Amino acid sequence: MSQQTIYDQLAEYLNSMPIGAPKTPELIEILKTLYTEEEAALAVKLPFLPMTLDALADRTGIAEAKLKPTIERMAKKGIVFVQLGGDEPMYRLLPTVVGFSETPFWPGKRTPHTEKLAALWRKYAKDAFYHEVGGISDLPMVRVIPVQQSLSDDRKVSVYEKLAEKVKETSYQAVAHCPCRIMRDYSGEGKCEHSTENCLHFGSLGQYMVANGMAREITVDETLNILKKSNEEGLVHITGNHQAEIDTICNCCADACIFLTGLLAMGEKNMFARSNFVSEINQDTCAECGTCAERCPVKAISLDDGPAKVDAGKCIGCGVCYPTCPSESVSLAARPQSEQLPILPPGEMVMKVMSDKKREFKF
């Protein structure tokens, strides 16, 4: 029997997170590419919740003077997160998502290193990671946010779905390149037609990314403009499925991004929670041009010898069909109350997902 390596141990440790890391040969190769053996040995001792350097020294048994350069090097590599803005930096191990699956690709720089990782991640996603994200727990970790201008009745929009207001509440804004579209391109599977610099991050996560050359700082107005352009491109706004301040907004396409491809290509039904709205098309004014059907990322709209029709069961309530309708016949209407999914506080959401996955969260 072969002896377990430090990378096997690290894989098992990472798999204790809500979105874990099922062990496959591709994952082990990813870890070997990202971590030296010394870094992997340290990583299995690091927490998933932030700690100060002196607390980490106590936890790991490594003197601060020796620990600090290693931790800072790992932060620069994108395998350790640094929380800034307090009295002193705090550190934690980065999981798969939001984490080390994305950090090499956020800068948008093509190198032999990122090409190797892209090919590994694309295979790993198909073999194991899609199912990890959307096939085990019935509570999705992320949700679709509708385009507010497309709503037929703004009074029915919950505070958690008012995207512009949530962005204005953030303390810091940053933009990086979309890891999913970058991975597809760098792996040789073909370049996505959509733009890539529209992966949005906020607060301490955004600060960490900018400080380590993974993103650039932007303003609230620039953020809202990116969201507007993303919607015009046909991209879907996806954020965390919780009640806390947003830290990420993905602008997803159906041909590369993990959440939509996981649903469409792999059939994992809980990749994300759809919004509490559904597309409606005015049958009297519809010009029957087919633009909405072409833009719909989940093929929920069809034309059959007449005006466009929506399959409410497929519709994810994103509003991508709205901005380019020439006859202004598209809007989003509230779904029946019974269909609305609960949006939990972060702690309750994590514990529910961990319970579904029969895992014990290792703080």
Protein backbone atom coordinates (compact mmCIF):
# COMPACT_ATOMS: atom_id res chain seq x y z
CA MET A 1 0.00 0.00 0.00
CA SER A 2 1.43 3.38 -1.01
CA GLN A 3 2.09 5.92 1.72
CA GLN A 4 -0.19 8.96 1.82
CA THR A 5 1.62 12.07 0.58
CA ILE A 6 1.31 15.58 1.97
CA TYR A 7 -0.74 16.45 -1.13
CA ASP A 8 -3.22 13.66 -0.33
CA GLN A 9 -3.52 15.09 3.19
CA LEU A 10 -4.04 18.59 1.81
CA ALA A 11 -6.73 17.37 -0.59
CA GLU A 12 -8.62 15.76 2.27
CA TYR A 13 -8.30 18.90 4.38
CA LEU A 14 -9.54 21.14 1.55
CA ASN A 15 -12.46 18.78 1.04
CA SER A 16 -13.77 19.72 4.49
CA MET A 17 -14.98 23.09 3.17
CA PRO A 18 -18.59 23.74 2.02
CA ILE A 19 -17.31 23.68 -1.56
CA GLY A 20 -14.62 21.10 -1.14
CA ALA A 21 -12.01 19.34 -3.25
CA PRO A 22 -12.83 15.72 -4.13
CA LYS A 23 -9.55 13.87 -4.63
CA THR A 24 -8.68 12.86 -8.18
CA PRO A 25 -5.34 12.60 -10.02
CA GLU A 26 -6.01 16.02 -11.57
CA LEU A 27 -6.55 17.64 -8.17
CA ILE A 28 -3.29 16.20 -6.83
CA GLU A 29 -1.47 17.57 -9.88
CA ILE A 30 -3.11 20.97 -9.35
CA LEU A 31 -1.92 21.00 -5.73
CA LYS A 32 1.60 19.97 -6.74
CA THR A 33 1.62 22.80 -9.29
CA LEU A 34 0.46 25.40 -6.75
CA TYR A 35 2.17 24.28 -3.52
CA THR A 36 5.71 23.28 -2.72
CA GLU A 37 5.92 20.39 -0.25
CA GLU A 38 6.85 22.87 2.47
CA GLU A 39 3.80 25.01 1.69
CA ALA A 40 1.49 21.99 1.58
CA ALA A 41 2.77 20.84 4.98
CA LEU A 42 1.99 24.27 6.39
CA ALA A 43 -1.38 24.52 4.61
CA VAL A 44 -2.84 21.50 6.43
CA LYS A 45 -2.21 23.37 9.70
CA LEU A 46 -3.79 26.67 8.59
CA PRO A 47 -7.37 27.64 9.49
CA PHE A 48 -10.21 28.43 7.11
CA LEU A 49 -11.19 31.41 9.29
CA PRO A 50 -8.83 34.43 9.64
CA MET A 51 -6.18 34.50 12.37
CA THR A 52 -3.42 36.94 13.27
CA LEU A 53 0.18 35.93 12.66
CA ASP A 54 0.87 35.37 16.37
CA ALA A 55 -2.21 33.12 16.65
CA LEU A 56 -1.01 31.18 13.60
CA ALA A 57 2.41 30.78 15.19
CA ASP A 58 0.75 29.23 18.26
CA ARG A 59 -1.45 27.00 16.05
CA THR A 60 1.36 25.75 13.81
CA GLY A 61 4.24 25.72 16.29
CA ILE A 62 6.35 27.80 13.88
CA ALA A 63 8.07 30.98 15.09
CA GLU A 64 6.61 34.20 13.66
CA ALA A 65 9.94 35.22 12.09
CA LYS A 66 10.01 31.99 10.06
CA LEU A 67 6.26 31.81 9.44
CA LYS A 68 5.75 35.33 8.09
CA PRO A 69 7.80 35.11 4.85
CA THR A 70 6.25 31.73 3.98
CA ILE A 71 2.71 32.98 4.62
CA GLU A 72 3.30 36.15 2.60
CA ARG A 73 4.77 34.15 -0.28
CA MET A 74 1.72 31.87 -0.26
CA ALA A 75 -0.56 34.93 -0.24
CA LYS A 76 1.20 36.32 -3.31
CA LYS A 77 0.76 32.94 -5.03
CA GLY A 78 -2.99 32.97 -4.30
CA ILE A 79 -3.21 30.04 -1.88
CA VAL A 80 -3.48 32.04 1.35
CA PHE A 81 -5.90 34.92 1.93
CA VAL A 82 -4.86 38.08 3.77
CA GLN A 83 -7.60 40.14 5.42
CA LEU A 84 -6.54 43.78 5.48
CA GLY A 85 -8.03 46.88 7.05
CA GLY A 86 -7.88 45.95 10.71
CA ASP A 87 -5.26 46.62 13.38
CA GLU A 88 -3.07 43.93 11.83
CA PRO A 89 -3.35 41.51 8.87
CA MET A 90 -5.20 38.25 9.39
CA TYR A 91 -4.58 35.08 7.39
CA ARG A 92 -6.49 31.97 6.35
CA LEU A 93 -6.14 29.15 3.87
CA LEU A 94 -7.96 29.70 0.59
CA PRO A 95 -10.43 26.94 -0.39
CA THR A 96 -11.34 25.97 -3.95
CA VAL A 97 -14.06 28.65 -4.43
CA VAL A 98 -13.74 31.57 -3.92
CA GLY A 99 -10.09 30.61 -3.83
CA PHE A 100 -7.20 28.85 -5.48
CA SER A 101 -9.23 27.70 -8.48
CA GLU A 102 -9.48 31.37 -9.52
CA THR A 103 -6.42 33.21 -8.21
CA PRO A 104 -4.00 32.19 -11.02
CA PHE A 105 -6.44 33.40 -13.68
CA TRP A 106 -7.75 36.67 -12.21
CA PRO A 107 -4.80 38.70 -13.59
CA GLY A 108 -5.58 37.50 -17.14
CA LYS A 109 -1.94 36.65 -17.92
CA ARG A 110 -1.21 33.70 -20.19
CA THR A 111 1.87 31.70 -19.13
CA PRO A 112 2.92 28.04 -19.27
CA HIS A 113 1.89 27.87 -15.58
CA THR A 114 -1.68 29.12 -16.21
CA GLU A 115 -2.02 26.99 -19.36
CA LYS A 116 -1.13 23.86 -17.38
CA LEU A 117 -3.53 24.74 -14.57
CA ALA A 118 -6.33 25.61 -17.01
CA ALA A 119 -6.19 22.19 -18.68
CA LEU A 120 -6.13 20.44 -15.30
CA TRP A 121 -9.06 22.46 -13.93
CA ARG A 122 -11.20 21.90 -17.03
CA LYS A 123 -10.79 18.12 -16.73
CA TYR A 124 -11.19 18.18 -12.96
CA ALA A 125 -14.44 20.14 -13.29
CA LYS A 126 -15.96 17.53 -15.59
CA ASP A 127 -14.73 14.55 -13.57
CA ALA A 128 -15.55 15.75 -10.05
CA PHE A 129 -15.92 19.45 -9.37
CA TYR A 130 -19.27 20.14 -11.07
CA HIS A 131 -20.85 17.48 -8.86
CA GLU A 132 -19.14 18.91 -5.78
CA VAL A 133 -20.58 22.38 -6.45
CA GLY A 134 -24.10 21.49 -7.55
CA GLY A 135 -24.81 17.82 -7.03
CA ILE A 136 -24.55 17.08 -3.31
CA SER A 137 -26.35 19.78 -1.32
CA ASP A 138 -29.85 20.92 -2.21
CA LEU A 139 -28.96 24.46 -1.06
CA PRO A 140 -26.99 26.30 -3.77
CA MET A 141 -24.08 28.41 -2.56
CA VAL A 142 -24.81 31.14 -5.15
CA ARG A 143 -27.87 32.74 -6.73
CA VAL A 144 -28.94 34.71 -9.77
CA ILE A 145 -29.61 38.43 -9.33
CA PRO A 146 -32.13 39.91 -11.78
CA VAL A 147 -31.57 43.07 -13.79
CA GLN A 148 -33.64 45.58 -11.87
CA GLN A 149 -34.70 47.64 -14.89
CA SER A 150 -36.42 44.56 -16.31
CA LEU A 151 -38.78 44.08 -13.36
CA SER A 152 -42.45 44.74 -13.95
CA ASP A 153 -43.11 45.54 -10.28
CA ASP A 154 -40.16 46.89 -8.30
CA ARG A 155 -42.16 46.75 -5.08
CA LYS A 156 -41.74 42.96 -4.99
CA VAL A 157 -37.94 43.06 -5.06
CA SER A 158 -36.32 42.02 -1.78
CA VAL A 159 -33.40 43.97 -0.40
CA TYR A 160 -31.11 41.05 -1.27
CA GLU A 161 -32.03 41.36 -4.96
CA LYS A 162 -31.48 45.10 -5.39
CA LEU A 163 -28.08 44.79 -6.98
CA ALA A 164 -27.22 48.48 -7.42
CA GLU A 165 -28.06 49.19 -3.79
CA LYS A 166 -25.93 46.26 -2.60
CA VAL A 167 -22.97 47.50 -4.66
CA LYS A 168 -23.29 51.00 -3.18
CA GLU A 169 -23.09 49.48 0.31
CA THR A 170 -19.68 47.90 -0.34
CA SER A 171 -16.54 49.41 1.17
CA TYR A 172 -14.15 48.59 -1.68
CA GLN A 173 -14.58 47.56 -5.32
CA ALA A 174 -12.23 45.66 -7.65
CA VAL A 175 -12.42 43.95 -11.04
CA ALA A 176 -10.48 40.95 -12.32
CA HIS A 177 -10.67 38.69 -15.36
CA CYS A 178 -13.24 35.87 -15.46
CA PRO A 179 -11.40 32.65 -14.48
CA CYS A 180 -13.89 30.42 -16.30
CA ARG A 181 -13.50 32.12 -19.69
CA ILE A 182 -9.74 32.41 -19.18
CA MET A 183 -9.48 28.68 -18.36
CA ARG A 184 -11.43 27.72 -21.46
CA ASP A 185 -9.15 29.85 -23.63
CA TYR A 186 -5.86 28.80 -22.03
CA SER A 187 -6.76 25.11 -22.09
CA GLY A 188 -7.08 25.21 -25.88
CA GLU A 189 -10.84 24.62 -25.93
CA GLY A 190 -11.53 27.88 -27.74
CA LYS A 191 -11.85 31.52 -26.79
CA CYS A 192 -15.22 32.66 -25.44
CA GLU A 193 -16.82 35.48 -27.43
CA HIS A 194 -17.56 37.48 -24.28
CA SER A 195 -15.26 39.99 -22.59
CA THR A 196 -13.32 38.78 -19.56
CA GLU A 197 -12.55 41.76 -17.30
CA ASN A 198 -15.87 41.70 -15.46
CA CYS A 199 -15.28 39.47 -12.41
CA LEU A 200 -16.25 41.79 -9.54
CA HIS A 201 -15.07 41.58 -5.94
CA PHE A 202 -15.68 43.74 -2.89
CA GLY A 203 -14.48 44.56 0.61
CA SER A 204 -11.49 42.72 2.04
CA LEU A 205 -11.49 40.19 -0.80
CA GLY A 206 -11.12 42.98 -3.36
CA GLN A 207 -8.36 44.60 -1.28
CA TYR A 208 -6.45 41.31 -1.11
CA MET A 209 -6.70 40.83 -4.86
CA VAL A 210 -5.48 44.33 -5.70
CA ALA A 211 -2.65 44.16 -3.16
CA ASN A 212 -1.39 40.95 -4.79
CA GLY A 213 -1.72 41.99 -8.42
CA MET A 214 -4.81 39.90 -9.18
CA ALA A 215 -7.24 42.76 -9.84
CA ARG A 216 -7.50 46.54 -10.16
CA GLU A 217 -9.41 48.91 -7.93
CA ILE A 218 -12.49 50.58 -9.41
CA THR A 219 -15.25 52.92 -8.22
CA VAL A 220 -18.92 52.21 -7.54
CA ASP A 221 -19.86 53.95 -10.80
CA GLU A 222 -17.36 51.84 -12.74
CA THR A 223 -18.78 48.72 -11.09
CA LEU A 224 -22.33 49.61 -12.10
CA ASN A 225 -21.17 50.35 -15.63
CA ILE A 226 -19.49 46.92 -15.85
CA LEU A 227 -22.73 45.31 -14.68
CA LYS A 228 -24.71 47.22 -17.32
CA LYS A 229 -22.31 46.23 -20.10
CA SER A 230 -22.26 42.63 -18.90
CA ASN A 231 -26.03 42.44 -19.11
CA GLU A 232 -25.97 43.96 -22.59
CA GLU A 233 -23.47 41.24 -23.56
CA GLY A 234 -25.87 38.57 -22.33
CA LEU A 235 -24.04 37.68 -19.11
CA VAL A 236 -25.84 36.54 -15.96
CA HIS A 237 -25.19 38.23 -12.59
CA ILE A 238 -24.49 35.62 -9.88
CA THR A 239 -23.58 36.29 -6.24
CA GLY A 240 -23.50 34.50 -2.88
CA ASN A 241 -26.77 32.96 -1.74
CA HIS A 242 -26.78 34.63 1.69
CA GLN A 243 -27.91 37.76 3.50
CA ALA A 244 -24.49 39.27 4.19
CA GLU A 245 -22.73 42.05 2.29
CA ILE A 246 -21.75 40.87 -1.16
CA ASP A 247 -18.10 40.00 -1.75
CA THR A 248 -18.33 38.74 -5.34
CA ILE A 249 -20.46 39.18 -8.44
CA CYS A 250 -19.74 36.78 -11.30
CA ASN A 251 -20.96 37.75 -14.76
CA CYS A 252 -21.51 34.33 -16.28
CA CYS A 253 -21.93 32.94 -19.79
CA ALA A 254 -23.37 29.61 -20.85
CA ASP A 255 -20.36 28.39 -22.80
CA ALA A 256 -17.60 28.65 -20.17
CA CYS A 257 -18.72 29.58 -16.66
CA ILE A 258 -18.92 26.84 -14.06
CA PHE A 259 -22.39 27.56 -12.72
CA LEU A 260 -24.20 27.66 -16.07
CA THR A 261 -22.19 24.90 -17.74
CA GLY A 262 -22.61 22.75 -14.66
CA LEU A 263 -26.37 23.00 -15.11
CA LEU A 264 -26.56 22.86 -18.90
CA ALA A 265 -23.73 20.49 -19.82
CA MET A 266 -23.53 18.30 -16.73
CA GLY A 267 -27.11 18.38 -15.43
CA GLU A 268 -26.21 19.42 -11.87
CA LYS A 269 -29.46 21.07 -10.80
CA ASN A 270 -28.23 22.93 -7.70
CA MET A 271 -25.34 24.86 -9.22
CA PHE A 272 -27.20 28.09 -8.34
CA ALA A 273 -30.56 29.34 -7.11
CA ARG A 274 -32.62 31.09 -9.75
CA SER A 275 -34.01 34.51 -8.91
CA ASN A 276 -37.51 34.99 -7.56
CA PHE A 277 -38.64 36.33 -10.93
CA VAL A 278 -39.58 34.86 -14.29
CA SER A 279 -39.49 36.35 -17.78
CA GLU A 280 -42.79 37.45 -19.31
CA ILE A 281 -43.33 38.44 -22.94
CA ASN A 282 -46.20 40.64 -24.08
CA GLN A 283 -47.85 38.53 -26.74
CA ASP A 284 -49.58 41.54 -28.30
CA THR A 285 -46.45 43.61 -28.89
CA CYS A 286 -43.84 40.87 -29.52
CA ALA A 287 -42.15 41.48 -32.90
CA GLU A 288 -41.28 37.76 -33.25
CA CYS A 289 -37.65 38.68 -34.01
CA GLY A 290 -36.17 35.89 -31.90
CA THR A 291 -33.57 38.07 -30.18
CA CYS A 292 -34.70 37.06 -26.71
CA ALA A 293 -34.52 33.36 -27.61
CA GLU A 294 -31.00 33.79 -28.98
CA ARG A 295 -29.83 35.59 -25.84
CA CYS A 296 -31.44 33.33 -23.23
CA PRO A 297 -28.55 31.45 -21.56
CA VAL A 298 -30.70 28.47 -20.57
CA LYS A 299 -32.85 28.17 -23.72
CA ALA A 300 -36.04 28.96 -21.84
CA ILE A 301 -37.53 31.06 -24.67
CA SER A 302 -38.78 29.71 -28.00
CA LEU A 303 -40.70 30.85 -31.07
CA ASP A 304 -43.07 28.48 -32.83
CA ASP A 305 -45.09 30.21 -35.55
CA GLY A 306 -45.98 33.12 -33.31
CA PRO A 307 -44.79 35.38 -30.49
CA ALA A 308 -41.98 34.25 -28.18
CA LYS A 309 -42.97 32.03 -25.28
CA VAL A 310 -41.20 31.38 -21.96
CA ASP A 311 -40.80 28.01 -20.27
CA ALA A 312 -41.12 29.17 -16.65
CA GLY A 313 -39.63 25.91 -15.41
CA LYS A 314 -36.37 26.60 -17.26
CA CYS A 315 -36.23 30.39 -16.77
CA ILE A 316 -33.66 31.47 -14.16
CA GLY A 317 -34.98 35.04 -13.89
CA CYS A 318 -31.77 36.80 -14.92
CA GLY A 319 -33.25 39.44 -17.26
CA VAL A 320 -30.70 38.85 -20.04
CA CYS A 321 -33.62 38.78 -22.48
CA TYR A 322 -34.65 42.32 -21.55
CA PRO A 323 -32.19 44.98 -22.81
CA THR A 324 -32.19 44.19 -26.56
CA CYS A 325 -35.89 43.57 -27.17
CA PRO A 326 -36.74 46.00 -30.04
CA SER A 327 -40.44 46.15 -29.14
CA GLU A 328 -39.84 46.41 -25.37
CA SER A 329 -42.08 43.39 -24.85
CA VAL A 330 -39.97 41.64 -22.18
CA SER A 331 -40.18 42.10 -18.41
CA LEU A 332 -39.62 40.06 -15.27
CA ALA A 333 -42.54 39.25 -12.98
CA ALA A 334 -42.47 37.79 -9.46
CA ARG A 335 -42.71 34.03 -9.21
CA PRO A 336 -45.39 32.52 -6.95
CA GLN A 337 -44.44 32.94 -3.30
CA SER A 338 -44.33 29.17 -2.83
CA GLU A 339 -41.41 28.91 -5.25
CA GLN A 340 -39.16 31.38 -3.46
CA LEU A 341 -36.04 29.91 -1.88
CA PRO A 342 -34.96 31.06 1.58
CA ILE A 343 -31.85 33.25 1.70
CA LEU A 344 -30.04 32.43 4.94
CA PRO A 345 -27.41 34.19 7.05
CA PRO A 346 -23.94 32.97 6.03
CA GLY A 347 -23.41 30.78 9.09
CA GLU A 348 -26.73 28.97 8.71
CA MET A 349 -26.09 28.49 4.97
CA VAL A 350 -22.66 26.94 5.62
CA MET A 351 -23.98 24.58 8.30
CA LYS A 352 -26.87 23.47 6.06
CA VAL A 353 -24.51 22.72 3.16
CA MET A 354 -22.06 20.90 5.45
CA SER A 355 -24.90 18.82 6.87
CA ASP A 356 -26.08 17.89 3.36
CA LYS A 357 -22.53 16.86 2.45
CA LYS A 358 -22.06 14.97 5.74
CA ARG A 359 -18.86 16.85 6.52
CA GLU A 360 -17.48 18.38 9.67
CA PHE A 361 -16.27 21.92 9.06
CA LYS A 362 -12.67 22.31 10.27
CA PHE A 363 -12.24 25.91 11.40
